Amino acid sequence: MEGKTLAIKVDVDTLKGYLEGVPRLLDILGRRDLRASFFFSFGPDNSGRAVRRVFRKGFIGKMLRTDAPGTYGLKTMLYGTLLPAPLIVPRDPGIFRRVLSEGHEGGIHAWDHVTWQDKLDRMPEPRMREHFDRAFEMFRDLSGSEPRCCAAPAWKATASSLAMQDGYGFDYCSDTRGVSPFIPRMGGRVFVTPQVPTTLPTMDELLGTAGIGEGNLNSHLLGLMGPGLNVHTVHAEMEGGSRSGLFEELLDRCLELGVDITSTGEALGRLEKGALPVMDVVQKSIPGRAGKVAVQA
């Protein structure tokens, strides 16, 4: 598989994923001297409010296929409802700083992951900016530098959110699903910030579908990888939790096959940004995921 690059993008959605999954992923990557991109949900863990998605097509099936209670834990599934929503990164800022000190790329995922995922389509722009500013300021205060990238929760993006992100001067955003880096156009407007889309399906989208289980998941992913850049999103709660062994196996098989594993920002840096095509972003359903996501058309 020489000539193939795998950019690892880690989404940190919950307190459990932050406290337990991120350190485990750092250990896994460190043993192999690999770098990845970590995108943090900084503010409240309101995971319990995700129950509002129960009526979305495919949501219950996804929870059952991925053993959500075992993956996230009972406390996580009650945060923001029967239990108060704890702040994520402030619980232990040292984990965030460790990511950066070990040479990984850090970026913004969200302030409140659940609110962004469930309410972005109808969120007033001032509220959207307030959420983003809080995450941006916490990143800067804890690291001493401004974030250079972001990745939207659940690949939720609108023309308003893309316009807002342009104002922060990011090197790139990774809010979309697609096949290759591009300049986004949405609602008839061309935006400035490049998009580096997730190109491979995630573990939670694949497990338990079309005969895919833990025994053949990685073979399936390897078969989907094409020449050039492949972007794989992993979750601190899954690949950093009960499925960490599967993630290690994927990394080792990639290394044996000569795949170049790197961070998303490093992979983009190797490309000629001026040559990126302008492409539309549309809202679309994808297999294995409840609700529509932003997709490179």
C-alpha atoms as a PDB file:
ATOM      1  CA  MET A   1       0.000   0.000   0.000  1.00  0.00           C
ATOM      2  CA  GLU A   2       2.866   2.357  -0.624  1.00  0.00           C
ATOM      3  CA  GLY A   3       1.664   5.700  -1.958  1.00  0.00           C
ATOM      4  CA  LYS A   4      -1.196   5.759   0.536  1.00  0.00           C
ATOM      5  CA  THR A   5      -1.449   8.176   3.442  1.00  0.00           C
ATOM      6  CA  LEU A   6      -3.718   7.704   6.439  1.00  0.00           C
ATOM      7  CA  ALA A   7      -4.463  10.837   8.450  1.00  0.00           C
ATOM      8  CA  ILE A   8      -5.778  10.011  11.921  1.00  0.00           C
ATOM      9  CA  LYS A   9      -8.368  12.430  13.300  1.00  0.00           C
ATOM     10  CA  VAL A  10      -9.509  11.904  16.908  1.00  0.00           C
ATOM     11  CA  ASP A  11     -12.845  13.343  18.044  1.00  0.00           C
ATOM     12  CA  VAL A  12     -13.192  13.802  21.806  1.00  0.00           C
ATOM     13  CA  ASP A  13     -16.891  14.001  22.602  1.00  0.00           C
ATOM     14  CA  THR A  14     -17.294  13.178  26.307  1.00  0.00           C
ATOM     15  CA  LEU A  15     -15.649  13.446  29.710  1.00  0.00           C
ATOM     16  CA  LYS A  16     -15.059   9.689  29.781  1.00  0.00           C
ATOM     17  CA  GLY A  17     -13.424   9.823  26.357  1.00  0.00           C
ATOM     18  CA  TYR A  18     -11.240  12.710  27.480  1.00  0.00           C
ATOM     19  CA  LEU A  19     -10.133  11.283  30.836  1.00  0.00           C
ATOM     20  CA  GLU A  20      -9.708   7.656  29.770  1.00  0.00           C
ATOM     21  CA  GLY A  21      -9.624   7.445  25.990  1.00  0.00           C
ATOM     22  CA  VAL A  22      -7.226  10.253  25.137  1.00  0.00           C
ATOM     23  CA  PRO A  23      -4.404   9.022  27.419  1.00  0.00           C
ATOM     24  CA  ARG A  24      -4.821   5.498  26.060  1.00  0.00           C
ATOM     25  CA  LEU A  25      -4.678   6.751  22.479  1.00  0.00           C
ATOM     26  CA  LEU A  26      -1.578   8.800  23.288  1.00  0.00           C
ATOM     27  CA  ASP A  27       0.087   5.665  24.645  1.00  0.00           C
ATOM     28  CA  ILE A  28      -0.899   3.666  21.551  1.00  0.00           C
ATOM     29  CA  LEU A  29       0.402   6.324  19.174  1.00  0.00           C
ATOM     30  CA  GLY A  30       3.508   6.974  21.263  1.00  0.00           C
ATOM     31  CA  ARG A  31       4.601   3.346  21.185  1.00  0.00           C
ATOM     32  CA  ARG A  32       4.613   3.587  17.392  1.00  0.00           C
ATOM     33  CA  ASP A  33       6.026   7.126  17.201  1.00  0.00           C
ATOM     34  CA  LEU A  34       2.941   8.320  15.299  1.00  0.00           C
ATOM     35  CA  ARG A  35       1.178  11.685  15.318  1.00  0.00           C
ATOM     36  CA  ALA A  36      -2.537  12.405  15.001  1.00  0.00           C
ATOM     37  CA  SER A  37      -4.984  15.324  15.164  1.00  0.00           C
ATOM     38  CA  PHE A  38      -7.082  15.639  18.339  1.00  0.00           C
ATOM     39  CA  PHE A  39     -10.265  17.729  18.301  1.00  0.00           C
ATOM     40  CA  PHE A  40     -11.654  18.547  21.743  1.00  0.00           C
ATOM     41  CA  SER A  41     -15.111  19.210  23.110  1.00  0.00           C
ATOM     42  CA  PHE A  42     -14.103  21.712  25.794  1.00  0.00           C
ATOM     43  CA  GLY A  43     -17.298  22.518  27.672  1.00  0.00           C
ATOM     44  CA  PRO A  44     -20.213  20.616  29.235  1.00  0.00           C
ATOM     45  CA  ASP A  45     -20.780  16.923  28.620  1.00  0.00           C
ATOM     46  CA  ASN A  46     -24.508  16.872  27.897  1.00  0.00           C
ATOM     47  CA  SER A  47     -24.466  13.347  26.472  1.00  0.00           C
ATOM     48  CA  GLY A  48     -27.678  12.365  28.245  1.00  0.00           C
ATOM     49  CA  ARG A  49     -29.606  14.836  26.120  1.00  0.00           C
ATOM     50  CA  ALA A  50     -28.808  12.779  23.033  1.00  0.00           C
ATOM     51  CA  VAL A  51     -31.886  10.727  23.932  1.00  0.00           C
ATOM     52  CA  ARG A  52     -33.814  13.362  21.951  1.00  0.00           C
ATOM     53  CA  ARG A  53     -32.474  11.669  18.814  1.00  0.00           C
ATOM     54  CA  VAL A  54     -34.450   8.520  19.558  1.00  0.00           C
ATOM     55  CA  PHE A  55     -36.910   9.248  16.745  1.00  0.00           C
ATOM     56  CA  ARG A  56     -34.233   9.729  14.089  1.00  0.00           C
ATOM     57  CA  LYS A  57     -34.041   6.896  11.614  1.00  0.00           C
ATOM     58  CA  GLY A  58     -31.238   4.520  12.536  1.00  0.00           C
ATOM     59  CA  PHE A  59     -30.440   5.999  15.962  1.00  0.00           C
ATOM     60  CA  ILE A  60     -31.650   3.097  18.113  1.00  0.00           C
ATOM     61  CA  GLY A  61     -30.046   0.554  15.792  1.00  0.00           C
ATOM     62  CA  LYS A  62     -26.728   2.379  15.991  1.00  0.00           C
ATOM     63  CA  MET A  63     -26.860   2.423  19.791  1.00  0.00           C
ATOM     64  CA  LEU A  64     -27.491  -1.316  19.877  1.00  0.00           C
ATOM     65  CA  ARG A  65     -24.884  -2.210  17.235  1.00  0.00           C
ATOM     66  CA  THR A  66     -22.124  -0.319  19.007  1.00  0.00           C
ATOM     67  CA  ASP A  67     -23.072  -1.275  22.590  1.00  0.00           C
ATOM     68  CA  ALA A  68     -23.477   2.370  23.585  1.00  0.00           C
ATOM     69  CA  PRO A  69     -23.968   1.655  27.323  1.00  0.00           C
ATOM     70  CA  GLY A  70     -20.749  -0.361  27.425  1.00  0.00           C
ATOM     71  CA  THR A  71     -18.862   2.173  25.320  1.00  0.00           C
ATOM     72  CA  TYR A  72     -19.932   5.367  27.054  1.00  0.00           C
ATOM     73  CA  GLY A  73     -20.936   4.149  30.525  1.00  0.00           C
ATOM     74  CA  LEU A  74     -24.106   4.838  32.490  1.00  0.00           C
ATOM     75  CA  LYS A  75     -22.911   8.131  34.009  1.00  0.00           C
ATOM     76  CA  THR A  76     -22.132   9.561  30.581  1.00  0.00           C
ATOM     77  CA  MET A  77     -25.590   8.638  29.341  1.00  0.00           C
ATOM     78  CA  LEU A  78     -27.154  10.566  32.246  1.00  0.00           C
ATOM     79  CA  TYR A  79     -25.033  13.732  32.045  1.00  0.00           C
ATOM     80  CA  GLY A  80     -27.150  16.794  31.371  1.00  0.00           C
ATOM     81  CA  THR A  81     -30.365  15.074  32.476  1.00  0.00           C
ATOM     82  CA  LEU A  82     -30.403  13.179  35.788  1.00  0.00           C
ATOM     83  CA  LEU A  83     -26.781  14.134  36.462  1.00  0.00           C
ATOM     84  CA  PRO A  84     -25.240  17.624  36.090  1.00  0.00           C
ATOM     85  CA  ALA A  85     -23.221  18.174  32.918  1.00  0.00           C
ATOM     86  CA  PRO A  86     -19.527  18.309  33.907  1.00  0.00           C
ATOM     87  CA  LEU A  87     -17.050  20.460  32.012  1.00  0.00           C
ATOM     88  CA  ILE A  88     -14.696  18.260  29.994  1.00  0.00           C
ATOM     89  CA  VAL A  89     -11.246  19.801  29.487  1.00  0.00           C
ATOM     90  CA  PRO A  90     -11.265  21.835  32.744  1.00  0.00           C
ATOM     91  CA  ARG A  91     -11.582  18.563  34.697  1.00  0.00           C
ATOM     92  CA  ASP A  92      -7.920  17.816  33.866  1.00  0.00           C
ATOM     93  CA  PRO A  93      -6.205  20.376  31.590  1.00  0.00           C
ATOM     94  CA  GLY A  94      -3.005  18.347  31.800  1.00  0.00           C
ATOM     95  CA  ILE A  95      -4.392  15.812  29.328  1.00  0.00           C
ATOM     96  CA  PHE A  96      -4.994  18.544  26.763  1.00  0.00           C
ATOM     97  CA  ARG A  97      -1.491  19.896  27.304  1.00  0.00           C
ATOM     98  CA  ARG A  98      -0.022  16.405  27.028  1.00  0.00           C
ATOM     99  CA  VAL A  99      -1.506  16.020  23.548  1.00  0.00           C
ATOM    100  CA  LEU A 100       0.278  19.156  22.377  1.00  0.00           C
ATOM    101  CA  SER A 101       3.528  18.465  24.221  1.00  0.00           C
ATOM    102  CA  GLU A 102       3.830  15.072  22.546  1.00  0.00           C
ATOM    103  CA  GLY A 103       3.707  16.666  19.110  1.00  0.00           C
ATOM    104  CA  HIS A 104       0.114  15.986  18.132  1.00  0.00           C
ATOM    105  CA  GLU A 105      -2.102  18.529  16.433  1.00  0.00           C
ATOM    106  CA  GLY A 106      -4.872  20.008  18.562  1.00  0.00           C
ATOM    107  CA  GLY A 107      -8.055  21.696  17.431  1.00  0.00           C
ATOM    108  CA  ILE A 108     -11.603  22.635  18.357  1.00  0.00           C
ATOM    109  CA  HIS A 109     -14.388  20.080  18.163  1.00  0.00           C
ATOM    110  CA  ALA A 110     -17.000  22.009  20.125  1.00  0.00           C
ATOM    111  CA  TRP A 111     -17.910  23.832  23.280  1.00  0.00           C
ATOM    112  CA  ASP A 112     -21.092  21.771  23.793  1.00  0.00           C
ATOM    113  CA  HIS A 113     -21.046  18.780  21.425  1.00  0.00           C
ATOM    114  CA  VAL A 114     -24.689  17.766  21.851  1.00  0.00           C
ATOM    115  CA  THR A 115     -26.059  21.276  21.390  1.00  0.00           C
ATOM    116  CA  TRP A 116     -24.050  21.835  18.199  1.00  0.00           C
ATOM    117  CA  GLN A 117     -25.019  18.461  16.776  1.00  0.00           C
ATOM    118  CA  ASP A 118     -28.719  18.740  17.549  1.00  0.00           C
ATOM    119  CA  LYS A 119     -29.432  22.471  17.185  1.00  0.00           C
ATOM    120  CA  LEU A 120     -26.977  23.916  14.660  1.00  0.00           C
ATOM    121  CA  ASP A 121     -29.553  24.079  11.860  1.00  0.00           C
ATOM    122  CA  ARG A 122     -31.664  26.530  13.875  1.00  0.00           C
ATOM    123  CA  MET A 123     -28.986  28.109  16.073  1.00  0.00           C
ATOM    124  CA  PRO A 124     -28.866  31.936  15.877  1.00  0.00           C
ATOM    125  CA  GLU A 125     -25.500  33.216  14.666  1.00  0.00           C
ATOM    126  CA  PRO A 126     -24.706  35.085  17.920  1.00  0.00           C
ATOM    127  CA  ARG A 127     -25.265  31.857  19.885  1.00  0.00           C
ATOM    128  CA  MET A 128     -23.122  29.914  17.415  1.00  0.00           C
ATOM    129  CA  ARG A 129     -20.295  32.394  17.792  1.00  0.00           C
ATOM    130  CA  GLU A 130     -20.629  32.409  21.588  1.00  0.00           C
ATOM    131  CA  HIS A 131     -20.152  28.622  21.648  1.00  0.00           C
ATOM    132  CA  PHE A 132     -17.178  28.805  19.337  1.00  0.00           C
ATOM    133  CA  ASP A 133     -15.558  31.736  21.130  1.00  0.00           C
ATOM    134  CA  ARG A 134     -15.660  29.889  24.447  1.00  0.00           C
ATOM    135  CA  ALA A 135     -13.868  26.872  23.001  1.00  0.00           C
ATOM    136  CA  PHE A 136     -11.395  29.087  21.130  1.00  0.00           C
ATOM    137  CA  GLU A 137     -10.555  31.086  24.255  1.00  0.00           C
ATOM    138  CA  MET A 138     -10.106  28.001  26.418  1.00  0.00           C
ATOM    139  CA  PHE A 139      -7.758  26.463  23.861  1.00  0.00           C
ATOM    140  CA  ARG A 140      -5.714  29.686  23.789  1.00  0.00           C
ATOM    141  CA  ASP A 141      -5.679  30.106  27.567  1.00  0.00           C
ATOM    142  CA  LEU A 142      -4.539  26.540  28.226  1.00  0.00           C
ATOM    143  CA  SER A 143      -1.993  26.270  25.429  1.00  0.00           C
ATOM    144  CA  GLY A 144      -0.707  29.821  25.017  1.00  0.00           C
ATOM    145  CA  SER A 145      -1.441  29.735  21.291  1.00  0.00           C
ATOM    146  CA  GLU A 146      -4.499  29.942  19.075  1.00  0.00           C
ATOM    147  CA  PRO A 147      -5.993  26.831  17.467  1.00  0.00           C
ATOM    148  CA  ARG A 148      -5.275  26.417  13.768  1.00  0.00           C
ATOM    149  CA  CYS A 149      -8.064  23.969  12.898  1.00  0.00           C
ATOM    150  CA  CYS A 150     -11.491  22.694  13.872  1.00  0.00           C
ATOM    151  CA  ALA A 151     -13.775  19.758  13.154  1.00  0.00           C
ATOM    152  CA  ALA A 152     -17.521  20.050  13.656  1.00  0.00           C
ATOM    153  CA  PRO A 153     -19.403  17.538  15.820  1.00  0.00           C
ATOM    154  CA  ALA A 154     -21.162  14.835  13.816  1.00  0.00           C
ATOM    155  CA  TRP A 155     -20.080  16.535  10.567  1.00  0.00           C
ATOM    156  CA  LYS A 156     -22.729  19.207  11.042  1.00  0.00           C
ATOM    157  CA  ALA A 157     -22.093  22.360   9.039  1.00  0.00           C
ATOM    158  CA  THR A 158     -24.172  25.148   7.535  1.00  0.00           C
ATOM    159  CA  ALA A 159     -23.367  28.161   5.378  1.00  0.00           C
ATOM    160  CA  SER A 160     -23.493  30.235   8.557  1.00  0.00           C
ATOM    161  CA  SER A 161     -21.040  28.014  10.429  1.00  0.00           C
ATOM    162  CA  LEU A 162     -18.615  27.971   7.478  1.00  0.00           C
ATOM    163  CA  ALA A 163     -18.768  31.775   7.272  1.00  0.00           C
ATOM    164  CA  MET A 164     -18.117  32.070  10.997  1.00  0.00           C
ATOM    165  CA  GLN A 165     -15.104  29.751  10.817  1.00  0.00           C
ATOM    166  CA  ASP A 166     -13.588  31.828   8.021  1.00  0.00           C
ATOM    167  CA  GLY A 167     -13.286  34.671  10.521  1.00  0.00           C
ATOM    168  CA  TYR A 168     -10.880  32.716  12.711  1.00  0.00           C
ATOM    169  CA  GLY A 169      -8.203  32.295  10.054  1.00  0.00           C
ATOM    170  CA  PHE A 170      -7.909  28.521  10.437  1.00  0.00           C
ATOM    171  CA  ASP A 171      -5.501  26.568   8.275  1.00  0.00           C
ATOM    172  CA  TYR A 172      -8.313  24.108   7.597  1.00  0.00           C
ATOM    173  CA  CYS A 173     -11.535  22.658   8.957  1.00  0.00           C
ATOM    174  CA  SER A 174     -12.721  19.059   8.851  1.00  0.00           C
ATOM    175  CA  ASP A 175     -16.499  19.414   9.037  1.00  0.00           C
ATOM    176  CA  THR A 176     -17.459  17.244   6.085  1.00  0.00           C
ATOM    177  CA  ARG A 177     -17.469  13.764   4.611  1.00  0.00           C
ATOM    178  CA  GLY A 178     -16.012  13.301   1.155  1.00  0.00           C
ATOM    179  CA  VAL A 179     -13.092  12.089  -0.916  1.00  0.00           C
ATOM    180  CA  SER A 180     -10.358  14.756  -0.952  1.00  0.00           C
ATOM    181  CA  PRO A 181      -9.489  18.271   0.350  1.00  0.00           C
ATOM    182  CA  PHE A 182     -11.416  21.119  -1.289  1.00  0.00           C
ATOM    183  CA  ILE A 183     -12.605  24.710  -0.974  1.00  0.00           C
ATOM    184  CA  PRO A 184     -16.251  24.618   0.195  1.00  0.00           C
ATOM    185  CA  ARG A 185     -19.190  26.304  -1.483  1.00  0.00           C
ATOM    186  CA  MET A 186     -22.582  26.318   0.200  1.00  0.00           C
ATOM    187  CA  GLY A 187     -25.706  28.338  -0.396  1.00  0.00           C
ATOM    188  CA  GLY A 188     -24.072  29.840  -3.474  1.00  0.00           C
ATOM    189  CA  ARG A 189     -21.154  31.279  -1.460  1.00  0.00           C
ATOM    190  CA  VAL A 190     -17.516  30.190  -1.757  1.00  0.00           C
ATOM    191  CA  PHE A 191     -15.669  30.133   1.553  1.00  0.00           C
ATOM    192  CA  VAL A 192     -11.998  30.630   2.317  1.00  0.00           C
ATOM    193  CA  THR A 193     -11.053  27.859   4.733  1.00  0.00           C
ATOM    194  CA  PRO A 194     -10.116  24.527   3.103  1.00  0.00           C
ATOM    195  CA  GLN A 195     -12.076  21.445   4.112  1.00  0.00           C
ATOM    196  CA  VAL A 196     -10.260  18.173   4.750  1.00  0.00           C
ATOM    197  CA  PRO A 197     -13.144  15.688   4.750  1.00  0.00           C
ATOM    198  CA  THR A 198     -13.296  12.359   6.508  1.00  0.00           C
ATOM    199  CA  THR A 199     -13.002   9.856   3.669  1.00  0.00           C
ATOM    200  CA  LEU A 200     -13.457   6.517   5.475  1.00  0.00           C
ATOM    201  CA  PRO A 201     -16.476   5.280   7.430  1.00  0.00           C
ATOM    202  CA  THR A 202     -16.116   5.266  11.198  1.00  0.00           C
ATOM    203  CA  MET A 203     -16.088   2.231  13.438  1.00  0.00           C
ATOM    204  CA  ASP A 204     -19.545   2.958  14.841  1.00  0.00           C
ATOM    205  CA  GLU A 205     -20.956   3.229  11.314  1.00  0.00           C
ATOM    206  CA  LEU A 206     -19.563  -0.153  10.280  1.00  0.00           C
ATOM    207  CA  LEU A 207     -19.841  -2.513  13.242  1.00  0.00           C
ATOM    208  CA  GLY A 208     -22.834  -4.788  12.940  1.00  0.00           C
ATOM    209  CA  THR A 209     -23.724  -3.755   9.381  1.00  0.00           C
ATOM    210  CA  ALA A 210     -23.523  -5.878   6.224  1.00  0.00           C
ATOM    211  CA  GLY A 211     -21.745  -8.721   7.979  1.00  0.00           C
ATOM    212  CA  ILE A 212     -18.985  -6.503   9.413  1.00  0.00           C
ATOM    213  CA  GLY A 213     -17.814  -7.375  12.907  1.00  0.00           C
ATOM    214  CA  GLU A 214     -14.680  -7.005  14.959  1.00  0.00           C
ATOM    215  CA  GLY A 215     -13.052  -9.897  13.092  1.00  0.00           C
ATOM    216  CA  ASN A 216     -13.171  -8.282   9.653  1.00  0.00           C
ATOM    217  CA  LEU A 217     -13.587  -4.556  10.390  1.00  0.00           C
ATOM    218  CA  ASN A 218      -9.975  -3.620   9.707  1.00  0.00           C
ATOM    219  CA  SER A 219      -9.770  -5.693   6.544  1.00  0.00           C
ATOM    220  CA  HIS A 220     -12.819  -3.818   5.305  1.00  0.00           C
ATOM    221  CA  LEU A 221     -11.248  -0.444   6.099  1.00  0.00           C
ATOM    222  CA  LEU A 222      -7.982  -1.395   4.415  1.00  0.00           C
ATOM    223  CA  GLY A 223      -9.939  -2.399   1.337  1.00  0.00           C
ATOM    224  CA  LEU A 224     -11.578   1.034   1.202  1.00  0.00           C
ATOM    225  CA  MET A 225      -8.323   2.966   1.324  1.00  0.00           C
ATOM    226  CA  GLY A 226      -7.366   4.487  -2.014  1.00  0.00           C
ATOM    227  CA  PRO A 227      -4.172   6.067  -3.326  1.00  0.00           C
ATOM    228  CA  GLY A 228      -3.202   9.412  -1.832  1.00  0.00           C
ATOM    229  CA  LEU A 229      -4.850  10.852   1.260  1.00  0.00           C
ATOM    230  CA  ASN A 230      -7.299   8.872   3.372  1.00  0.00           C
ATOM    231  CA  VAL A 231      -8.768  10.540   6.470  1.00  0.00           C
ATOM    232  CA  HIS A 232     -10.010   8.300   9.259  1.00  0.00           C
ATOM    233  CA  THR A 233     -11.980   9.693  12.205  1.00  0.00           C
ATOM    234  CA  VAL A 234     -11.701   7.712  15.424  1.00  0.00           C
ATOM    235  CA  HIS A 235     -13.449   8.447  18.700  1.00  0.00           C
ATOM    236  CA  ALA A 236     -11.761   8.645  22.067  1.00  0.00           C
ATOM    237  CA  GLU A 237     -14.706   6.751  23.540  1.00  0.00           C
ATOM    238  CA  MET A 238     -14.415   3.763  21.175  1.00  0.00           C
ATOM    239  CA  GLU A 239     -10.907   3.417  19.759  1.00  0.00           C
ATOM    240  CA  GLY A 240      -9.594   4.805  23.037  1.00  0.00           C
ATOM    241  CA  GLY A 241     -11.906   2.559  25.040  1.00  0.00           C
ATOM    242  CA  SER A 242     -13.154  -0.999  24.666  1.00  0.00           C
ATOM    243  CA  ARG A 243     -12.155  -1.149  20.971  1.00  0.00           C
ATOM    244  CA  SER A 244      -8.576   0.096  21.469  1.00  0.00           C
ATOM    245  CA  GLY A 245      -7.209  -3.311  20.458  1.00  0.00           C
ATOM    246  CA  LEU A 246      -8.899  -3.011  17.069  1.00  0.00           C
ATOM    247  CA  PHE A 247      -7.334   0.398  16.573  1.00  0.00           C
ATOM    248  CA  GLU A 248      -3.885  -0.925  17.421  1.00  0.00           C
ATOM    249  CA  GLU A 249      -4.366  -3.735  14.937  1.00  0.00           C
ATOM    250  CA  LEU A 250      -5.346  -1.262  12.215  1.00  0.00           C
ATOM    251  CA  LEU A 251      -2.257   0.864  12.832  1.00  0.00           C
ATOM    252  CA  ASP A 252       0.060  -2.153  12.821  1.00  0.00           C
ATOM    253  CA  ARG A 253      -1.392  -3.561   9.620  1.00  0.00           C
ATOM    254  CA  CYS A 254      -1.078  -0.163   7.936  1.00  0.00           C
ATOM    255  CA  LEU A 255       2.542   0.153   9.011  1.00  0.00           C
ATOM    256  CA  GLU A 256       3.328  -3.358   7.761  1.00  0.00           C
ATOM    257  CA  LEU A 257       1.832  -2.440   4.379  1.00  0.00           C
ATOM    258  CA  GLY A 258       3.857   0.747   4.063  1.00  0.00           C
ATOM    259  CA  VAL A 259       0.995   3.205   4.665  1.00  0.00           C
ATOM    260  CA  ASP A 260       2.201   6.627   5.805  1.00  0.00           C
ATOM    261  CA  ILE A 261       0.309   7.546   9.009  1.00  0.00           C
ATOM    262  CA  THR A 262       0.197  11.190  10.027  1.00  0.00           C
ATOM    263  CA  SER A 263      -1.990  14.031  11.335  1.00  0.00           C
ATOM    264  CA  THR A 264      -4.611  15.763   9.232  1.00  0.00           C
ATOM    265  CA  GLY A 265      -2.788  19.089   9.222  1.00  0.00           C
ATOM    266  CA  GLU A 266       0.513  17.520   8.230  1.00  0.00           C
ATOM    267  CA  ALA A 267      -1.172  15.684   5.370  1.00  0.00           C
ATOM    268  CA  LEU A 268      -2.777  18.888   4.098  1.00  0.00           C
ATOM    269  CA  GLY A 269       0.532  20.708   4.367  1.00  0.00           C
ATOM    270  CA  ARG A 270       1.984  18.376   1.758  1.00  0.00           C
ATOM    271  CA  LEU A 271      -0.627  19.441  -0.782  1.00  0.00           C
ATOM    272  CA  GLU A 272      -0.675  22.540  -2.940  1.00  0.00           C
ATOM    273  CA  LYS A 273      -3.527  24.531  -1.403  1.00  0.00           C
ATOM    274  CA  GLY A 274      -3.857  26.780  -4.434  1.00  0.00           C
ATOM    275  CA  ALA A 275      -4.794  23.750  -6.497  1.00  0.00           C
ATOM    276  CA  LEU A 276      -7.737  22.697  -4.323  1.00  0.00           C
ATOM    277  CA  PRO A 277     -11.011  22.575  -6.262  1.00  0.00           C
ATOM    278  CA  VAL A 278     -14.103  24.522  -5.247  1.00  0.00           C
ATOM    279  CA  MET A 279     -16.870  22.020  -4.497  1.00  0.00           C
ATOM    280  CA  ASP A 280     -20.394  22.193  -3.086  1.00  0.00           C
ATOM    281  CA  VAL A 281     -21.317  21.020   0.388  1.00  0.00           C
ATOM    282  CA  VAL A 282     -24.735  19.373   0.685  1.00  0.00           C
ATOM    283  CA  GLN A 283     -26.727  17.843   3.519  1.00  0.00           C
ATOM    284  CA  LYS A 284     -27.050  14.114   3.009  1.00  0.00           C
ATOM    285  CA  SER A 285     -27.726  10.859   4.848  1.00  0.00           C
ATOM    286  CA  ILE A 286     -24.884   8.332   4.883  1.00  0.00           C
ATOM    287  CA  PRO A 287     -24.970   4.624   5.772  1.00  0.00           C
ATOM    288  CA  GLY A 288     -24.671   3.776   9.437  1.00  0.00           C
ATOM    289  CA  ARG A 289     -25.313   7.276  10.795  1.00  0.00           C
ATOM    290  CA  ALA A 290     -28.564   8.773  12.056  1.00  0.00           C
ATOM    291  CA  GLY A 291     -29.493  12.122  10.583  1.00  0.00           C
ATOM    292  CA  LYS A 292     -27.934  14.079   7.732  1.00  0.00           C
ATOM    293  CA  VAL A 293     -24.334  15.270   7.599  1.00  0.00           C
ATOM    294  CA  ALA A 294     -22.382  17.771   5.488  1.00  0.00           C
ATOM    295  CA  VAL A 295     -21.019  15.981   2.429  1.00  0.00           C
ATOM    296  CA  GLN A 296     -18.670  17.041  -0.365  1.00  0.00           C
ATOM    297  CA  ALA A 297     -20.862  16.952  -3.449  1.00  0.00           C
END
